[in-house]
Amino acid sequence: MNDIVTASPWGAWRSATPARLALGRAGAGMPTDEVLRFGWAHAMARDAIHAALDVPALESALRDGGWAVAEARSRAPDRTAYLRRPDLGRQLDASDAERLHAAAGPPADLCIVVGDGLSSLAVARHAVPLLAALRPHLPAGLALTPVVVATQARVALADEIGEAFGARLSVMLIGERPGLSSPDSLGIYITHAPRRGRHDAERNCISNVRPEGLAYATAAFKLGWLLREALRRGLTGVALKDDSELHLPSSL
């Protein structure tokens, strides 16, 4: 009996990418297993957006890794408001702003913020190993603020947090918008002289950090290079081209 599923001649390509290609055909539609895989991927993406970040577990893992930790939240009171009002996710809660200002010491070189963003799954899986990989690439003598774990956070929330600490640079590690093949992609945003009102052209971005995308070691090397160059040149964004690949060790 002939197989009613017509295999795609491009099927071998599937081993090289998680993208949805070479799905095959069953009559006028897709094979049942591909329909089920699509439903599963869609559910994973939705869950990644709505799932709450386990803040105590993340803070414990960060402390075990030798990082001082602080907490903050945006002005979005819950996940529904966060998704409907992106502007609230860019603003620091008023009481947390006062607390961070009061806790700030001398101006620091770097403020690292870990925000849940649109995928708490990405943060839970990748933030700690990425920061562990980053530590050897940080410039000697760099003055760090505590790592701030921020909830209901958008990228620009790191601007106000970095401003509260008087930091020269802010780095936001944040869960990116999930895709059907990548519900746990972590993004990194670097901003020089963080303050309220900064815009995206003033940031550098490293995206798709996860084992199936940009590996921790490579992402950490690129981030370390950008941090050093940003401090040396006093800028980030479109004026700072990421030439880290010219210096990337052959082992990465």
C-alpha atoms as a PDB file:
ATOM      1  CA  MET A   1       0.000   0.000   0.000  1.00  0.00           C
ATOM      2  CA  ASN A   2       1.319   3.429  -0.913  1.00  0.00           C
ATOM      3  CA  ASP A   3       1.922   5.957   1.872  1.00  0.00           C
ATOM      4  CA  ILE A   4      -0.767   8.661   1.666  1.00  0.00           C
ATOM      5  CA  VAL A   5       1.711  11.206   3.066  1.00  0.00           C
ATOM      6  CA  THR A   6       3.833  12.825   0.370  1.00  0.00           C
ATOM      7  CA  ALA A   7       7.264  13.479   1.809  1.00  0.00           C
ATOM      8  CA  SER A   8       8.992  16.745   1.005  1.00  0.00           C
ATOM      9  CA  PRO A   9      12.187  16.454  -1.085  1.00  0.00           C
ATOM     10  CA  TRP A  10      13.670  19.082   1.237  1.00  0.00           C
ATOM     11  CA  GLY A  11      13.284  16.890   4.315  1.00  0.00           C
ATOM     12  CA  ALA A  12      17.047  16.566   4.880  1.00  0.00           C
ATOM     13  CA  TRP A  13      17.207  20.305   5.516  1.00  0.00           C
ATOM     14  CA  ARG A  14      15.233  19.864   8.728  1.00  0.00           C
ATOM     15  CA  SER A  15      18.293  18.512  10.480  1.00  0.00           C
ATOM     16  CA  ALA A  16      20.003  21.891   9.995  1.00  0.00           C
ATOM     17  CA  THR A  17      17.317  24.196  11.395  1.00  0.00           C
ATOM     18  CA  PRO A  18      14.383  24.246  13.830  1.00  0.00           C
ATOM     19  CA  ALA A  19      12.423  26.356  11.318  1.00  0.00           C
ATOM     20  CA  ARG A  20       9.105  24.978  10.128  1.00  0.00           C
ATOM     21  CA  LEU A  21       9.996  23.751   6.643  1.00  0.00           C
ATOM     22  CA  ALA A  22       9.661  20.539   4.635  1.00  0.00           C
ATOM     23  CA  LEU A  23       6.484  19.599   6.510  1.00  0.00           C
ATOM     24  CA  GLY A  24       5.242  17.157   3.910  1.00  0.00           C
ATOM     25  CA  ARG A  25       1.654  16.804   2.676  1.00  0.00           C
ATOM     26  CA  ALA A  26      -1.331  14.555   3.330  1.00  0.00           C
ATOM     27  CA  GLY A  27      -3.827  15.140   0.541  1.00  0.00           C
ATOM     28  CA  ALA A  28      -4.590  18.849   0.525  1.00  0.00           C
ATOM     29  CA  GLY A  29      -3.380  19.408   4.084  1.00  0.00           C
ATOM     30  CA  MET A  30      -0.469  18.822   6.415  1.00  0.00           C
ATOM     31  CA  PRO A  31       0.308  15.455   8.028  1.00  0.00           C
ATOM     32  CA  THR A  32      -1.341  14.952  11.418  1.00  0.00           C
ATOM     33  CA  ASP A  33       1.963  14.830  13.305  1.00  0.00           C
ATOM     34  CA  GLU A  34       2.903  18.248  11.917  1.00  0.00           C
ATOM     35  CA  VAL A  35      -0.460  19.695  12.951  1.00  0.00           C
ATOM     36  CA  LEU A  36       0.118  18.360  16.463  1.00  0.00           C
ATOM     37  CA  ARG A  37       3.666  19.754  16.567  1.00  0.00           C
ATOM     38  CA  PHE A  38       2.340  23.172  15.540  1.00  0.00           C
ATOM     39  CA  GLY A  39      -0.236  23.089  18.328  1.00  0.00           C
ATOM     40  CA  TRP A  40       2.424  22.100  20.855  1.00  0.00           C
ATOM     41  CA  ALA A  41       4.788  24.886  19.694  1.00  0.00           C
ATOM     42  CA  HIS A  42       1.980  27.452  19.857  1.00  0.00           C
ATOM     43  CA  ALA A  43       1.086  26.351  23.394  1.00  0.00           C
ATOM     44  CA  MET A  44       4.737  26.593  24.482  1.00  0.00           C
ATOM     45  CA  ALA A  45       4.952  30.144  23.124  1.00  0.00           C
ATOM     46  CA  ARG A  46       1.752  31.197  24.926  1.00  0.00           C
ATOM     47  CA  ASP A  47       2.891  29.613  28.187  1.00  0.00           C
ATOM     48  CA  ALA A  48       6.268  31.369  27.962  1.00  0.00           C
ATOM     49  CA  ILE A  49       4.529  34.751  27.715  1.00  0.00           C
ATOM     50  CA  HIS A  50       2.098  34.203  30.578  1.00  0.00           C
ATOM     51  CA  ALA A  51       4.178  32.161  33.031  1.00  0.00           C
ATOM     52  CA  ALA A  52       5.408  34.050  36.102  1.00  0.00           C
ATOM     53  CA  LEU A  53       9.124  34.190  36.818  1.00  0.00           C
ATOM     54  CA  ASP A  54      10.211  32.246  39.904  1.00  0.00           C
ATOM     55  CA  VAL A  55      12.049  35.180  41.467  1.00  0.00           C
ATOM     56  CA  PRO A  56      13.244  33.444  44.677  1.00  0.00           C
ATOM     57  CA  ALA A  57      14.742  30.546  42.696  1.00  0.00           C
ATOM     58  CA  LEU A  58      16.517  32.918  40.299  1.00  0.00           C
ATOM     59  CA  GLU A  59      17.855  35.084  43.117  1.00  0.00           C
ATOM     60  CA  SER A  60      19.129  32.008  44.970  1.00  0.00           C
ATOM     61  CA  ALA A  61      20.937  30.780  41.848  1.00  0.00           C
ATOM     62  CA  LEU A  62      22.479  34.217  41.292  1.00  0.00           C
ATOM     63  CA  ARG A  63      23.717  34.406  44.878  1.00  0.00           C
ATOM     64  CA  ASP A  64      25.167  30.903  44.575  1.00  0.00           C
ATOM     65  CA  GLY A  65      27.063  32.223  41.560  1.00  0.00           C
ATOM     66  CA  GLY A  66      28.603  35.010  43.633  1.00  0.00           C
ATOM     67  CA  TRP A  67      26.368  37.902  42.542  1.00  0.00           C
ATOM     68  CA  ALA A  68      24.797  40.438  44.889  1.00  0.00           C
ATOM     69  CA  VAL A  69      21.080  40.706  44.141  1.00  0.00           C
ATOM     70  CA  ALA A  70      18.315  43.299  44.380  1.00  0.00           C
ATOM     71  CA  GLU A  71      14.677  43.324  43.267  1.00  0.00           C
ATOM     72  CA  ALA A  72      12.513  45.783  41.349  1.00  0.00           C
ATOM     73  CA  ARG A  73       9.237  45.816  39.494  1.00  0.00           C
ATOM     74  CA  SER A  74       7.681  47.999  36.862  1.00  0.00           C
ATOM     75  CA  ARG A  75       4.471  50.001  37.188  1.00  0.00           C
ATOM     76  CA  ALA A  76       2.479  47.233  35.502  1.00  0.00           C
ATOM     77  CA  PRO A  77       0.493  45.737  38.408  1.00  0.00           C
ATOM     78  CA  ASP A  78      -0.046  42.346  36.759  1.00  0.00           C
ATOM     79  CA  ARG A  79       0.589  40.378  33.577  1.00  0.00           C
ATOM     80  CA  THR A  80      -2.593  41.536  31.881  1.00  0.00           C
ATOM     81  CA  ALA A  81      -1.673  45.188  32.361  1.00  0.00           C
ATOM     82  CA  TYR A  82       1.887  44.444  31.282  1.00  0.00           C
ATOM     83  CA  LEU A  83       0.731  42.997  27.958  1.00  0.00           C
ATOM     84  CA  ARG A  84      -1.853  45.695  27.290  1.00  0.00           C
ATOM     85  CA  ARG A  85       0.209  48.683  28.461  1.00  0.00           C
ATOM     86  CA  PRO A  86       3.841  48.384  27.297  1.00  0.00           C
ATOM     87  CA  ASP A  87       4.510  51.898  28.612  1.00  0.00           C
ATOM     88  CA  LEU A  88       3.969  50.724  32.201  1.00  0.00           C
ATOM     89  CA  GLY A  89       6.618  48.032  31.779  1.00  0.00           C
ATOM     90  CA  ARG A  90       9.168  50.719  30.895  1.00  0.00           C
ATOM     91  CA  GLN A  91       8.622  52.673  34.138  1.00  0.00           C
ATOM     92  CA  LEU A  92       9.960  51.733  37.541  1.00  0.00           C
ATOM     93  CA  ASP A  93       7.489  51.350  40.378  1.00  0.00           C
ATOM     94  CA  ALA A  94       7.605  54.564  42.447  1.00  0.00           C
ATOM     95  CA  SER A  95       8.411  52.880  45.772  1.00  0.00           C
ATOM     96  CA  ASP A  96      11.098  50.719  44.156  1.00  0.00           C
ATOM     97  CA  ALA A  97      12.625  53.802  42.539  1.00  0.00           C
ATOM     98  CA  GLU A  98      12.916  55.461  45.951  1.00  0.00           C
ATOM     99  CA  ARG A  99      14.391  52.297  47.473  1.00  0.00           C
ATOM    100  CA  LEU A 100      17.027  51.881  44.756  1.00  0.00           C
ATOM    101  CA  HIS A 101      18.008  55.547  44.957  1.00  0.00           C
ATOM    102  CA  ALA A 102      18.390  55.212  48.727  1.00  0.00           C
ATOM    103  CA  ALA A 103      20.479  52.031  48.379  1.00  0.00           C
ATOM    104  CA  ALA A 104      22.782  53.438  45.695  1.00  0.00           C
ATOM    105  CA  GLY A 105      26.387  53.968  46.699  1.00  0.00           C
ATOM    106  CA  PRO A 106      29.143  55.684  44.682  1.00  0.00           C
ATOM    107  CA  PRO A 107      28.528  55.762  40.908  1.00  0.00           C
ATOM    108  CA  ALA A 108      29.098  52.337  39.385  1.00  0.00           C
ATOM    109  CA  ASP A 109      30.471  51.244  36.030  1.00  0.00           C
ATOM    110  CA  LEU A 110      27.862  48.592  35.256  1.00  0.00           C
ATOM    111  CA  CYS A 111      24.315  47.793  36.288  1.00  0.00           C
ATOM    112  CA  ILE A 112      23.003  44.383  35.203  1.00  0.00           C
ATOM    113  CA  VAL A 113      19.229  43.935  35.137  1.00  0.00           C
ATOM    114  CA  VAL A 114      17.545  40.576  34.590  1.00  0.00           C
ATOM    115  CA  GLY A 115      13.976  41.163  33.401  1.00  0.00           C
ATOM    116  CA  ASP A 116      11.265  38.595  32.774  1.00  0.00           C
ATOM    117  CA  GLY A 117      10.126  40.313  29.563  1.00  0.00           C
ATOM    118  CA  LEU A 118       7.971  38.217  27.247  1.00  0.00           C
ATOM    119  CA  SER A 119       9.527  34.881  28.218  1.00  0.00           C
ATOM    120  CA  SER A 120      10.239  34.104  31.859  1.00  0.00           C
ATOM    121  CA  LEU A 121      11.280  30.663  30.602  1.00  0.00           C
ATOM    122  CA  ALA A 122      14.242  32.214  28.781  1.00  0.00           C
ATOM    123  CA  VAL A 123      15.370  34.065  31.890  1.00  0.00           C
ATOM    124  CA  ALA A 124      14.963  31.049  34.158  1.00  0.00           C
ATOM    125  CA  ARG A 125      16.994  28.838  31.814  1.00  0.00           C
ATOM    126  CA  HIS A 126      19.712  31.115  30.488  1.00  0.00           C
ATOM    127  CA  ALA A 127      20.408  34.167  32.692  1.00  0.00           C
ATOM    128  CA  VAL A 128      22.530  32.390  35.310  1.00  0.00           C
ATOM    129  CA  PRO A 129      24.758  30.378  32.922  1.00  0.00           C
ATOM    130  CA  LEU A 130      25.208  33.416  30.708  1.00  0.00           C
ATOM    131  CA  LEU A 131      26.358  35.569  33.628  1.00  0.00           C
ATOM    132  CA  ALA A 132      28.722  32.799  34.736  1.00  0.00           C
ATOM    133  CA  ALA A 133      30.218  32.784  31.236  1.00  0.00           C
ATOM    134  CA  LEU A 134      30.438  36.590  31.260  1.00  0.00           C
ATOM    135  CA  ARG A 135      32.423  36.966  34.468  1.00  0.00           C
ATOM    136  CA  PRO A 136      35.870  36.178  32.931  1.00  0.00           C
ATOM    137  CA  HIS A 137      35.243  38.795  30.213  1.00  0.00           C
ATOM    138  CA  LEU A 138      34.479  41.698  32.556  1.00  0.00           C
ATOM    139  CA  PRO A 139      37.211  44.357  32.703  1.00  0.00           C
ATOM    140  CA  ALA A 140      39.385  44.220  35.814  1.00  0.00           C
ATOM    141  CA  GLY A 141      38.317  46.586  38.573  1.00  0.00           C
ATOM    142  CA  LEU A 142      34.825  47.106  37.163  1.00  0.00           C
ATOM    143  CA  ALA A 143      32.466  48.566  39.772  1.00  0.00           C
ATOM    144  CA  LEU A 144      29.206  46.620  39.735  1.00  0.00           C
ATOM    145  CA  THR A 145      25.813  47.298  41.238  1.00  0.00           C
ATOM    146  CA  PRO A 146      23.801  44.351  42.540  1.00  0.00           C
ATOM    147  CA  VAL A 147      22.148  42.335  39.788  1.00  0.00           C
ATOM    148  CA  VAL A 148      18.558  43.605  39.744  1.00  0.00           C
ATOM    149  CA  VAL A 149      15.849  41.015  39.115  1.00  0.00           C
ATOM    150  CA  ALA A 150      12.968  42.981  37.561  1.00  0.00           C
ATOM    151  CA  THR A 151       9.438  41.730  36.984  1.00  0.00           C
ATOM    152  CA  GLN A 152       6.844  42.892  34.431  1.00  0.00           C
ATOM    153  CA  ALA A 153       9.857  44.445  32.703  1.00  0.00           C
ATOM    154  CA  ARG A 154      10.391  45.951  29.278  1.00  0.00           C
ATOM    155  CA  VAL A 155      13.848  46.754  27.899  1.00  0.00           C
ATOM    156  CA  ALA A 156      13.749  50.448  28.832  1.00  0.00           C
ATOM    157  CA  LEU A 157      13.203  49.647  32.513  1.00  0.00           C
ATOM    158  CA  ALA A 158      16.978  49.162  32.762  1.00  0.00           C
ATOM    159  CA  ASP A 159      17.424  52.833  31.841  1.00  0.00           C
ATOM    160  CA  GLU A 160      15.683  54.042  34.988  1.00  0.00           C
ATOM    161  CA  ILE A 161      17.302  51.366  37.165  1.00  0.00           C
ATOM    162  CA  GLY A 162      20.761  52.231  35.853  1.00  0.00           C
ATOM    163  CA  GLU A 163      20.017  55.921  36.395  1.00  0.00           C
ATOM    164  CA  ALA A 164      19.026  55.235  40.006  1.00  0.00           C
ATOM    165  CA  PHE A 165      22.428  53.642  40.627  1.00  0.00           C
ATOM    166  CA  GLY A 166      24.330  56.286  38.670  1.00  0.00           C
ATOM    167  CA  ALA A 167      25.796  53.580  36.419  1.00  0.00           C
ATOM    168  CA  ARG A 168      27.879  54.312  33.340  1.00  0.00           C
ATOM    169  CA  LEU A 169      26.385  51.309  31.549  1.00  0.00           C
ATOM    170  CA  SER A 170      23.287  49.195  31.919  1.00  0.00           C
ATOM    171  CA  VAL A 171      22.820  45.670  30.589  1.00  0.00           C
ATOM    172  CA  MET A 172      19.350  44.179  30.366  1.00  0.00           C
ATOM    173  CA  LEU A 173      18.995  40.411  30.036  1.00  0.00           C
ATOM    174  CA  ILE A 174      15.381  39.843  29.036  1.00  0.00           C
ATOM    175  CA  GLY A 175      13.090  37.169  27.660  1.00  0.00           C
ATOM    176  CA  GLU A 176      12.403  37.840  23.987  1.00  0.00           C
ATOM    177  CA  ARG A 177       9.053  37.470  22.269  1.00  0.00           C
ATOM    178  CA  PRO A 178       8.595  33.693  21.799  1.00  0.00           C
ATOM    179  CA  GLY A 179       8.518  32.163  18.350  1.00  0.00           C
ATOM    180  CA  LEU A 180       7.057  28.831  17.346  1.00  0.00           C
ATOM    181  CA  SER A 181      10.510  27.241  17.430  1.00  0.00           C
ATOM    182  CA  SER A 182      12.058  29.391  20.165  1.00  0.00           C
ATOM    183  CA  PRO A 183       9.943  29.960  23.293  1.00  0.00           C
ATOM    184  CA  ASP A 184      13.043  30.531  25.448  1.00  0.00           C
ATOM    185  CA  SER A 185      15.188  33.031  23.553  1.00  0.00           C
ATOM    186  CA  LEU A 186      17.135  35.504  25.709  1.00  0.00           C
ATOM    187  CA  GLY A 187      18.009  39.014  24.524  1.00  0.00           C
ATOM    188  CA  ILE A 188      20.736  41.361  25.794  1.00  0.00           C
ATOM    189  CA  TYR A 189      20.586  45.166  25.543  1.00  0.00           C
ATOM    190  CA  ILE A 190      23.547  47.436  26.388  1.00  0.00           C
ATOM    191  CA  THR A 191      23.024  51.162  26.995  1.00  0.00           C
ATOM    192  CA  HIS A 192      25.645  53.807  27.795  1.00  0.00           C
ATOM    193  CA  ALA A 193      24.699  56.506  30.335  1.00  0.00           C
ATOM    194  CA  PRO A 194      21.290  54.932  31.053  1.00  0.00           C
ATOM    195  CA  ARG A 195      18.518  57.355  31.904  1.00  0.00           C
ATOM    196  CA  ARG A 196      14.840  57.788  31.244  1.00  0.00           C
ATOM    197  CA  GLY A 197      14.151  58.829  27.661  1.00  0.00           C
ATOM    198  CA  ARG A 198      16.824  56.735  25.961  1.00  0.00           C
ATOM    199  CA  HIS A 199      15.669  55.167  22.699  1.00  0.00           C
ATOM    200  CA  ASP A 200      16.519  51.946  20.899  1.00  0.00           C
ATOM    201  CA  ALA A 201      19.032  53.517  18.500  1.00  0.00           C
ATOM    202  CA  GLU A 202      21.179  54.225  21.574  1.00  0.00           C
ATOM    203  CA  ARG A 203      21.470  50.542  22.492  1.00  0.00           C
ATOM    204  CA  ASN A 204      23.364  47.521  21.239  1.00  0.00           C
ATOM    205  CA  CYS A 205      21.526  44.223  21.102  1.00  0.00           C
ATOM    206  CA  ILE A 206      22.593  40.583  21.204  1.00  0.00           C
ATOM    207  CA  SER A 207      19.679  38.238  20.530  1.00  0.00           C
ATOM    208  CA  ASN A 208      18.690  34.563  20.463  1.00  0.00           C
ATOM    209  CA  VAL A 209      20.931  33.517  23.340  1.00  0.00           C
ATOM    210  CA  ARG A 210      20.213  29.833  24.051  1.00  0.00           C
ATOM    211  CA  PRO A 211      21.956  26.532  23.340  1.00  0.00           C
ATOM    212  CA  GLU A 212      20.032  26.135  20.056  1.00  0.00           C
ATOM    213  CA  GLY A 213      20.912  29.685  18.983  1.00  0.00           C
ATOM    214  CA  LEU A 214      23.838  31.824  20.147  1.00  0.00           C
ATOM    215  CA  ALA A 215      25.840  29.804  22.672  1.00  0.00           C
ATOM    216  CA  TYR A 216      26.552  31.207  26.142  1.00  0.00           C
ATOM    217  CA  ALA A 217      30.308  31.379  25.570  1.00  0.00           C
ATOM    218  CA  THR A 218      29.948  33.282  22.290  1.00  0.00           C
ATOM    219  CA  ALA A 219      27.298  35.634  23.683  1.00  0.00           C
ATOM    220  CA  ALA A 220      29.439  36.332  26.757  1.00  0.00           C
ATOM    221  CA  PHE A 221      32.471  37.109  24.593  1.00  0.00           C
ATOM    222  CA  LYS A 222      30.453  39.507  22.421  1.00  0.00           C
ATOM    223  CA  LEU A 223      28.920  41.168  25.480  1.00  0.00           C
ATOM    224  CA  GLY A 224      32.292  41.557  27.183  1.00  0.00           C
ATOM    225  CA  TRP A 225      33.754  43.111  24.025  1.00  0.00           C
ATOM    226  CA  LEU A 226      30.861  45.564  23.714  1.00  0.00           C
ATOM    227  CA  LEU A 227      31.134  46.531  27.391  1.00  0.00           C
ATOM    228  CA  ARG A 228      34.832  47.295  27.101  1.00  0.00           C
ATOM    229  CA  GLU A 229      34.368  49.298  23.900  1.00  0.00           C
ATOM    230  CA  ALA A 230      31.360  51.183  25.286  1.00  0.00           C
ATOM    231  CA  LEU A 231      33.334  52.232  28.365  1.00  0.00           C
ATOM    232  CA  ARG A 232      36.372  53.174  26.266  1.00  0.00           C
ATOM    233  CA  ARG A 233      34.437  55.192  23.678  1.00  0.00           C
ATOM    234  CA  GLY A 234      31.675  56.504  25.918  1.00  0.00           C
ATOM    235  CA  LEU A 235      28.791  55.402  23.680  1.00  0.00           C
ATOM    236  CA  THR A 236      26.522  52.588  22.542  1.00  0.00           C
ATOM    237  CA  GLY A 237      23.958  52.134  19.798  1.00  0.00           C
ATOM    238  CA  VAL A 238      24.326  52.860  16.099  1.00  0.00           C
ATOM    239  CA  ALA A 239      27.651  54.601  16.743  1.00  0.00           C
ATOM    240  CA  LEU A 240      29.176  51.407  18.189  1.00  0.00           C
ATOM    241  CA  LYS A 241      29.555  48.697  15.569  1.00  0.00           C
ATOM    242  CA  ASP A 242      29.840  45.169  16.902  1.00  0.00           C
ATOM    243  CA  ASP A 243      33.216  44.056  15.544  1.00  0.00           C
ATOM    244  CA  SER A 244      33.657  41.394  18.214  1.00  0.00           C
ATOM    245  CA  GLU A 245      33.699  38.638  15.576  1.00  0.00           C
ATOM    246  CA  LEU A 246      37.055  39.972  14.358  1.00  0.00           C
ATOM    247  CA  HIS A 247      38.483  39.071  17.773  1.00  0.00           C
ATOM    248  CA  LEU A 248      36.483  35.903  18.447  1.00  0.00           C
ATOM    249  CA  PRO A 249      38.760  33.023  19.527  1.00  0.00           C
ATOM    250  CA  SER A 250      38.752  30.060  17.172  1.00  0.00           C
ATOM    251  CA  SER A 251      37.599  27.837  20.025  1.00  0.00           C
ATOM    252  CA  LEU A 252      34.197  29.584  20.164  1.00  0.00           C
END
